[in-house]
PDB file of N, CA and C in Angstrom:
ATOM      1  N   MET A   1     -29.417 -10.908   5.105  1.00  0.00           N
ATOM      2  CA  MET A   1     -29.123  -9.890   4.119  1.00  0.00           C
ATOM      3  C   MET A   1     -30.442  -9.213   3.716  1.00  0.00           C
ATOM      4  N   LEU A   2     -30.402  -7.924   3.698  1.00  0.00           N
ATOM      5  CA  LEU A   2     -31.532  -7.137   3.232  1.00  0.00           C
ATOM      6  C   LEU A   2     -31.381  -6.921   1.732  1.00  0.00           C
ATOM      7  N   VAL A   3     -32.409  -7.234   0.963  1.00  0.00           N
ATOM      8  CA  VAL A   3     -32.373  -7.044  -0.486  1.00  0.00           C
ATOM      9  C   VAL A   3     -33.368  -5.940  -0.833  1.00  0.00           C
ATOM     10  N   LEU A   4     -32.867  -4.916  -1.525  1.00  0.00           N
ATOM     11  CA  LEU A   4     -33.695  -3.768  -1.900  1.00  0.00           C
ATOM     12  C   LEU A   4     -33.680  -3.579  -3.403  1.00  0.00           C
ATOM     13  N   THR A   5     -34.755  -3.054  -3.922  1.00  0.00           N
ATOM     14  CA  THR A   5     -34.807  -2.656  -5.322  1.00  0.00           C
ATOM     15  C   THR A   5     -34.818  -1.128  -5.352  1.00  0.00           C
ATOM     16  N   ARG A   6     -33.917  -0.556  -6.111  1.00  0.00           N
ATOM     17  CA  ARG A   6     -33.819   0.894  -6.216  1.00  0.00           C
ATOM     18  C   ARG A   6     -33.799   1.278  -7.682  1.00  0.00           C
ATOM     19  N   LYS A   7     -34.316   2.436  -7.976  1.00  0.00           N
ATOM     20  CA  LYS A   7     -34.281   2.982  -9.334  1.00  0.00           C
ATOM     21  C   LYS A   7     -33.162   4.015  -9.419  1.00  0.00           C
ATOM     22  N   LEU A   8     -32.825   4.371 -10.624  1.00  0.00           N
ATOM     23  CA  LEU A   8     -31.803   5.383 -10.866  1.00  0.00           C
ATOM     24  C   LEU A   8     -32.111   6.643 -10.060  1.00  0.00           C
ATOM     25  N   GLY A   9     -31.117   7.132  -9.336  1.00  0.00           N
ATOM     26  CA  GLY A   9     -31.260   8.343  -8.541  1.00  0.00           C
ATOM     27  C   GLY A   9     -31.782   8.121  -7.128  1.00  0.00           C
ATOM     28  N   GLN A  10     -32.237   6.920  -6.823  1.00  0.00           N
ATOM     29  CA  GLN A  10     -32.749   6.654  -5.483  1.00  0.00           C
ATOM     30  C   GLN A  10     -31.612   6.279  -4.536  1.00  0.00           C
ATOM     31  N   ASN A  11     -31.849   6.511  -3.241  1.00  0.00           N
ATOM     32  CA  ASN A  11     -30.848   6.261  -2.198  1.00  0.00           C
ATOM     33  C   ASN A  11     -31.323   5.186  -1.242  1.00  0.00           C
ATOM     34  N   ILE A  12     -30.363   4.647  -0.510  1.00  0.00           N
ATOM     35  CA  ILE A  12     -30.661   3.908   0.708  1.00  0.00           C
ATOM     36  C   ILE A  12     -29.802   4.521   1.801  1.00  0.00           C
ATOM     37  N   LEU A  13     -30.264   4.465   3.012  1.00  0.00           N
ATOM     38  CA  LEU A  13     -29.510   4.988   4.143  1.00  0.00           C
ATOM     39  C   LEU A  13     -29.087   3.835   5.033  1.00  0.00           C
ATOM     40  N   ILE A  14     -27.853   3.908   5.508  1.00  0.00           N
ATOM     41  CA  ILE A  14     -27.326   2.948   6.470  1.00  0.00           C
ATOM     42  C   ILE A  14     -27.043   3.751   7.721  1.00  0.00           C
ATOM     43  N   GLY A  15     -27.832   3.525   8.745  1.00  0.00           N
ATOM     44  CA  GLY A  15     -27.743   4.371   9.920  1.00  0.00           C
ATOM     45  C   GLY A  15     -28.164   5.779   9.547  1.00  0.00           C
ATOM     46  N   GLU A  16     -27.611   6.748  10.232  1.00  0.00           N
ATOM     47  CA  GLU A  16     -27.966   8.141   9.961  1.00  0.00           C
ATOM     48  C   GLU A  16     -26.932   8.871   9.112  1.00  0.00           C
ATOM     49  N   LYS A  17     -25.767   8.259   8.933  1.00  0.00           N
ATOM     50  CA  LYS A  17     -24.666   8.996   8.315  1.00  0.00           C
ATOM     51  C   LYS A  17     -24.158   8.437   6.999  1.00  0.00           C
ATOM     52  N   ILE A  18     -24.663   7.289   6.564  1.00  0.00           N
ATOM     53  CA  ILE A  18     -24.169   6.679   5.329  1.00  0.00           C
ATOM     54  C   ILE A  18     -25.314   6.591   4.325  1.00  0.00           C
ATOM     55  N   SER A  19     -25.065   7.116   3.131  1.00  0.00           N
ATOM     56  CA  SER A  19     -26.057   7.108   2.064  1.00  0.00           C
ATOM     57  C   SER A  19     -25.449   6.442   0.837  1.00  0.00           C
ATOM     58  N   VAL A  20     -26.217   5.554   0.210  1.00  0.00           N
ATOM     59  CA  VAL A  20     -25.783   4.894  -1.019  1.00  0.00           C
ATOM     60  C   VAL A  20     -26.794   5.254  -2.099  1.00  0.00           C
ATOM     61  N   LYS A  21     -26.299   5.844  -3.193  1.00  0.00           N
ATOM     62  CA  LYS A  21     -27.175   6.316  -4.259  1.00  0.00           C
ATOM     63  C   LYS A  21     -26.867   5.586  -5.559  1.00  0.00           C
ATOM     64  N   VAL A  22     -27.911   5.202  -6.287  1.00  0.00           N
ATOM     65  CA  VAL A  22     -27.748   4.594  -7.607  1.00  0.00           C
ATOM     66  C   VAL A  22     -27.490   5.728  -8.601  1.00  0.00           C
ATOM     67  N   LEU A  23     -26.287   5.761  -9.154  1.00  0.00           N
ATOM     68  CA  LEU A  23     -25.894   6.840 -10.061  1.00  0.00           C
ATOM     69  C   LEU A  23     -26.110   6.495 -11.532  1.00  0.00           C
ATOM     70  N   ARG A  24     -25.872   5.230 -11.879  1.00  0.00           N
ATOM     71  CA  ARG A  24     -25.978   4.835 -13.284  1.00  0.00           C
ATOM     72  C   ARG A  24     -26.280   3.344 -13.355  1.00  0.00           C
ATOM     73  N   ILE A  25     -27.102   2.970 -14.309  1.00  0.00           N
ATOM     74  CA  ILE A  25     -27.393   1.566 -14.586  1.00  0.00           C
ATOM     75  C   ILE A  25     -27.092   1.355 -16.058  1.00  0.00           C
ATOM     76  N   ASP A  26     -26.159   0.431 -16.348  1.00  0.00           N
ATOM     77  CA  ASP A  26     -25.725   0.217 -17.726  1.00  0.00           C
ATOM     78  C   ASP A  26     -25.604  -1.282 -17.954  1.00  0.00           C
ATOM     79  N   SER A  27     -26.508  -1.879 -18.660  1.00  0.00           N
ATOM     80  CA  SER A  27     -26.619  -3.323 -18.912  1.00  0.00           C
ATOM     81  C   SER A  27     -26.443  -4.098 -17.601  1.00  0.00           C
ATOM     82  N   ASN A  28     -25.314  -4.746 -17.383  1.00  0.00           N
ATOM     83  CA  ASN A  28     -25.151  -5.548 -16.166  1.00  0.00           C
ATOM     84  C   ASN A  28     -24.297  -4.848 -15.106  1.00  0.00           C
ATOM     85  N   LYS A  29     -24.123  -3.539 -15.213  1.00  0.00           N
ATOM     86  CA  LYS A  29     -23.333  -2.791 -14.240  1.00  0.00           C
ATOM     87  C   LYS A  29     -24.196  -1.724 -13.573  1.00  0.00           C
ATOM     88  N   VAL A  30     -23.947  -1.540 -12.290  1.00  0.00           N
ATOM     89  CA  VAL A  30     -24.616  -0.489 -11.530  1.00  0.00           C
ATOM     90  C   VAL A  30     -23.535   0.374 -10.901  1.00  0.00           C
ATOM     91  N   GLN A  31     -23.614   1.676 -11.097  1.00  0.00           N
ATOM     92  CA  GLN A  31     -22.661   2.588 -10.468  1.00  0.00           C
ATOM     93  C   GLN A  31     -23.336   3.184  -9.236  1.00  0.00           C
ATOM     94  N   LEU A  32     -22.653   3.024  -8.096  1.00  0.00           N
ATOM     95  CA  LEU A  32     -23.173   3.506  -6.828  1.00  0.00           C
ATOM     96  C   LEU A  32     -22.308   4.642  -6.311  1.00  0.00           C
ATOM     97  N   GLY A  33     -22.925   5.580  -5.643  1.00  0.00           N
ATOM     98  CA  GLY A  33     -22.194   6.630  -4.940  1.00  0.00           C
ATOM     99  C   GLY A  33     -22.419   6.442  -3.452  1.00  0.00           C
ATOM    100  N   VAL A  34     -21.356   6.500  -2.677  1.00  0.00           N
ATOM    101  CA  VAL A  34     -21.456   6.314  -1.230  1.00  0.00           C
ATOM    102  C   VAL A  34     -21.023   7.603  -0.551  1.00  0.00           C
ATOM    103  N   SER A  35     -21.889   8.137   0.292  1.00  0.00           N
ATOM    104  CA  SER A  35     -21.561   9.307   1.104  1.00  0.00           C
ATOM    105  C   SER A  35     -21.486   8.858   2.550  1.00  0.00           C
ATOM    106  N   ALA A  36     -20.333   9.118   3.162  1.00  0.00           N
ATOM    107  CA  ALA A  36     -20.124   8.713   4.551  1.00  0.00           C
ATOM    108  C   ALA A  36     -19.107   9.656   5.179  1.00  0.00           C
ATOM    109  N   PRO A  37     -19.092   9.741   6.499  1.00  0.00           N
ATOM    110  CA  PRO A  37     -18.069  10.554   7.164  1.00  0.00           C
ATOM    111  C   PRO A  37     -16.671  10.037   6.814  1.00  0.00           C
ATOM    112  N   GLN A  38     -15.686  10.937   6.816  1.00  0.00           N
ATOM    113  CA  GLN A  38     -14.315  10.539   6.479  1.00  0.00           C
ATOM    114  C   GLN A  38     -13.764   9.503   7.447  1.00  0.00           C
ATOM    115  N   SER A  39     -14.303   9.424   8.635  1.00  0.00           N
ATOM    116  CA  SER A  39     -13.808   8.467   9.631  1.00  0.00           C
ATOM    117  C   SER A  39     -14.217   7.028   9.317  1.00  0.00           C
ATOM    118  N   ILE A  40     -15.101   6.856   8.343  1.00  0.00           N
ATOM    119  CA  ILE A  40     -15.550   5.511   7.967  1.00  0.00           C
ATOM    120  C   ILE A  40     -14.828   5.096   6.687  1.00  0.00           C
ATOM    121  N   ALA A  41     -14.075   4.005   6.768  1.00  0.00           N
ATOM    122  CA  ALA A  41     -13.342   3.501   5.604  1.00  0.00           C
ATOM    123  C   ALA A  41     -14.308   2.741   4.698  1.00  0.00           C
ATOM    124  N   ILE A  42     -14.165   2.954   3.390  1.00  0.00           N
ATOM    125  CA  ILE A  42     -14.990   2.265   2.402  1.00  0.00           C
ATOM    126  C   ILE A  42     -14.042   1.589   1.417  1.00  0.00           C
ATOM    127  N   TYR A  43     -14.179   0.267   1.282  1.00  0.00           N
ATOM    128  CA  TYR A  43     -13.302  -0.504   0.401  1.00  0.00           C
ATOM    129  C   TYR A  43     -14.140  -1.387  -0.512  1.00  0.00           C
ATOM    130  N   ARG A  44     -13.616  -1.683  -1.682  1.00  0.00           N
ATOM    131  CA  ARG A  44     -14.234  -2.681  -2.555  1.00  0.00           C
ATOM    132  C   ARG A  44     -13.880  -4.058  -2.014  1.00  0.00           C
ATOM    133  N   GLN A  45     -14.842  -4.954  -2.014  1.00  0.00           N
ATOM    134  CA  GLN A  45     -14.645  -6.287  -1.439  1.00  0.00           C
ATOM    135  C   GLN A  45     -13.480  -7.029  -2.083  1.00  0.00           C
ATOM    136  N   GLU A  46     -13.331  -6.927  -3.413  1.00  0.00           N
ATOM    137  CA  GLU A  46     -12.266  -7.684  -4.077  1.00  0.00           C
ATOM    138  C   GLU A  46     -10.878  -7.210  -3.658  1.00  0.00           C
ATOM    139  N   ILE A  47     -10.743  -5.940  -3.284  1.00  0.00           N
ATOM    140  CA  ILE A  47      -9.456  -5.434  -2.805  1.00  0.00           C
ATOM    141  C   ILE A  47      -9.127  -6.061  -1.452  1.00  0.00           C
ATOM    142  N   ILE A  48     -10.098  -6.106  -0.567  1.00  0.00           N
ATOM    143  CA  ILE A  48      -9.899  -6.725   0.746  1.00  0.00           C
ATOM    144  C   ILE A  48      -9.568  -8.206   0.580  1.00  0.00           C
ATOM    145  N   ASP A  49     -10.270  -8.897  -0.327  1.00  0.00           N
ATOM    146  CA  ASP A  49      -9.991 -10.320  -0.575  1.00  0.00           C
ATOM    147  C   ASP A  49      -8.574 -10.522  -1.085  1.00  0.00           C
ATOM    148  N   ASN A  50      -8.105  -9.646  -1.995  1.00  0.00           N
ATOM    149  CA  ASN A  50      -6.730  -9.750  -2.513  1.00  0.00           C
ATOM    150  C   ASN A  50      -5.705  -9.545  -1.402  1.00  0.00           C
ATOM    151  N   ILE A  51      -5.938  -8.595  -0.533  1.00  0.00           N
ATOM    152  CA  ILE A  51      -5.019  -8.338   0.587  1.00  0.00           C
ATOM    153  C   ILE A  51      -4.972  -9.546   1.513  1.00  0.00           C
ATOM    154  N   LYS A  52      -6.131 -10.117   1.810  1.00  0.00           N
ATOM    155  CA  LYS A  52      -6.172 -11.304   2.678  1.00  0.00           C
ATOM    156  C   LYS A  52      -5.416 -12.469   2.045  1.00  0.00           C
ATOM    157  N   ASP A  53      -5.616 -12.683   0.735  1.00  0.00           N
ATOM    158  CA  ASP A  53      -4.903 -13.757   0.033  1.00  0.00           C
ATOM    159  C   ASP A  53      -3.396 -13.524   0.075  1.00  0.00           C
ATOM    160  N   PHE A  54      -2.969 -12.288  -0.172  1.00  0.00           N
ATOM    161  CA  PHE A  54      -1.552 -11.951  -0.131  1.00  0.00           C
ATOM    162  C   PHE A  54      -0.978 -12.219   1.260  1.00  0.00           C
ATOM    163  N   ASN A  55      -1.707 -11.827   2.298  1.00  0.00           N
ATOM    164  CA  ASN A  55      -1.240 -12.042   3.670  1.00  0.00           C
ATOM    165  C   ASN A  55      -1.141 -13.526   4.000  1.00  0.00           C
ATOM    166  N   ARG A  56      -2.101 -14.327   3.501  1.00  0.00           N
ATOM    167  CA  ARG A  56      -2.029 -15.780   3.731  1.00  0.00           C
ATOM    168  C   ARG A  56      -0.785 -16.365   3.076  1.00  0.00           C
ATOM    169  N   LEU A  57      -0.493 -15.927   1.848  1.00  0.00           N
ATOM    170  CA  LEU A  57       0.701 -16.416   1.152  1.00  0.00           C
ATOM    171  C   LEU A  57       1.972 -15.972   1.862  1.00  0.00           C
ATOM    172  N   ALA A  58       1.995 -14.733   2.313  1.00  0.00           N
ATOM    173  CA  ALA A  58       3.180 -14.219   3.009  1.00  0.00           C
ATOM    174  C   ALA A  58       3.415 -14.978   4.300  1.00  0.00           C
ATOM    175  N   ASN A  59       2.354 -15.409   4.938  1.00  0.00           N
ATOM    176  CA  ASN A  59       2.467 -16.146   6.196  1.00  0.00           C
ATOM    177  C   ASN A  59       3.055 -17.537   5.981  1.00  0.00           C
ATOM    178  N   LYS A  60       2.950 -18.051   4.751  1.00  0.00           N
ATOM    179  CA  LYS A  60       3.465 -19.390   4.436  1.00  0.00           C
ATOM    180  C   LYS A  60       4.903 -19.349   3.920  1.00  0.00           C
ATOM    181  N   THR A  61       5.561 -18.200   4.020  1.00  0.00           N
ATOM    182  CA  THR A  61       6.915 -18.043   3.500  1.00  0.00           C
ATOM    183  C   THR A  61       7.869 -19.014   4.180  1.00  0.00           C
ATOM    184  N   ASP A  62       8.723 -19.625   3.388  1.00  0.00           N
ATOM    185  CA  ASP A  62       9.763 -20.508   3.901  1.00  0.00           C
ATOM    186  C   ASP A  62      10.895 -19.623   4.426  1.00  0.00           C
ATOM    187  N   HIS A  63      10.950 -19.458   5.741  1.00  0.00           N
ATOM    188  CA  HIS A  63      11.895 -18.522   6.351  1.00  0.00           C
ATOM    189  C   HIS A  63      13.350 -18.938   6.141  1.00  0.00           C
ATOM    190  N   ALA A  64      13.610 -20.224   6.052  1.00  0.00           N
ATOM    191  CA  ALA A  64      14.980 -20.672   5.796  1.00  0.00           C
ATOM    192  C   ALA A  64      15.440 -20.197   4.418  1.00  0.00           C
ATOM    193  N   ARG A  65      14.581 -20.322   3.413  1.00  0.00           N
ATOM    194  CA  ARG A  65      14.938 -19.866   2.068  1.00  0.00           C
ATOM    195  C   ARG A  65      15.059 -18.354   2.023  1.00  0.00           C
ATOM    196  N   LEU A  66      14.235 -17.671   2.801  1.00  0.00           N
ATOM    197  CA  LEU A  66      14.304 -16.214   2.853  1.00  0.00           C
ATOM    198  C   LEU A  66      15.634 -15.760   3.450  1.00  0.00           C
ATOM    199  N   LYS A  67      16.085 -16.416   4.523  1.00  0.00           N
ATOM    200  CA  LYS A  67      17.378 -16.086   5.137  1.00  0.00           C
ATOM    201  C   LYS A  67      18.518 -16.378   4.162  1.00  0.00           C
ATOM    202  N   GLU A  68      18.395 -17.475   3.434  1.00  0.00           N
ATOM    203  CA  GLU A  68      19.413 -17.831   2.436  1.00  0.00           C
ATOM    204  C   GLU A  68      19.487 -16.763   1.349  1.00  0.00           C
ATOM    205  N   ALA A  69      18.345 -16.287   0.886  1.00  0.00           N
ATOM    206  CA  ALA A  69      18.314 -15.236  -0.128  1.00  0.00           C
ATOM    207  C   ALA A  69      18.913 -13.943   0.419  1.00  0.00           C
ATOM    208  N   ALA A  70      18.621 -13.618   1.679  1.00  0.00           N
ATOM    209  CA  ALA A  70      19.187 -12.407   2.295  1.00  0.00           C
ATOM    210  C   ALA A  70      20.702 -12.505   2.358  1.00  0.00           C
ATOM    211  N   ARG A  71      21.237 -13.682   2.753  1.00  0.00           N
ATOM    212  CA  ARG A  71      22.695 -13.878   2.801  1.00  0.00           C
ATOM    213  C   ARG A  71      23.304 -13.707   1.412  1.00  0.00           C
ATOM    214  N   PHE A  72      22.643 -14.259   0.410  1.00  0.00           N
ATOM    215  CA  PHE A  72      23.124 -14.160  -0.967  1.00  0.00           C
ATOM    216  C   PHE A  72      23.229 -12.695  -1.403  1.00  0.00           C
ATOM    217  N   PHE A  73      22.159 -11.915  -1.151  1.00  0.00           N
ATOM    218  CA  PHE A  73      22.170 -10.515  -1.560  1.00  0.00           C
ATOM    219  C   PHE A  73      23.174  -9.691  -0.762  1.00  0.00           C
ATOM    220  N   LYS A  74      23.377 -10.037   0.487  1.00  0.00           N
ATOM    221  CA  LYS A  74      24.396  -9.318   1.289  1.00  0.00           C
ATOM    222  C   LYS A  74      25.777  -9.571   0.701  1.00  0.00           C
ATOM    223  N   GLN A  75      26.047 -10.823   0.323  1.00  0.00           N
ATOM    224  CA  GLN A  75      27.340 -11.142  -0.286  1.00  0.00           C
ATOM    225  C   GLN A  75      27.483 -10.433  -1.633  1.00  0.00           C
ATOM    226  N   LEU A  76      26.406 -10.425  -2.395  1.00  0.00           N
ATOM    227  CA  LEU A  76      26.428  -9.793  -3.708  1.00  0.00           C
ATOM    228  C   LEU A  76      26.706  -8.295  -3.583  1.00  0.00           C
ATOM    229  N   LEU A  77      26.137  -7.668  -2.566  1.00  0.00           N
ATOM    230  CA  LEU A  77      26.326  -6.234  -2.351  1.00  0.00           C
ATOM    231  C   LEU A  77      27.574  -5.917  -1.528  1.00  0.00           C
ATOM    232  N   GLY A  78      28.208  -6.937  -0.996  1.00  0.00           N
ATOM    233  CA  GLY A  78      29.409  -6.732  -0.194  1.00  0.00           C
ATOM    234  C   GLY A  78      29.128  -6.099   1.164  1.00  0.00           C
ATOM    235  N   VAL A  79      27.973  -6.423   1.710  1.00  0.00           N
ATOM    236  CA  VAL A  79      27.590  -5.857   3.011  1.00  0.00           C
ATOM    237  C   VAL A  79      27.993  -6.794   4.124  1.00  0.00           C
TER     238      VAL A  79
END
């Protein structure tokens, strides 16, 4: 991991097309601006972690209970 110290308004470049700028520093928070081509997806790490956790839970679904619930709702709806 590369560790850099930047001041307010300073940038770092990642390759030739991605720029990260320090926009605001407020006590223990830093606001960053990221400029990148639209073809490059930018996500917050915690969002990706939440999606991965959700997918792990979905993968552990008890399929027998799911089929039972589907049968119940079909009967309830008269399908």
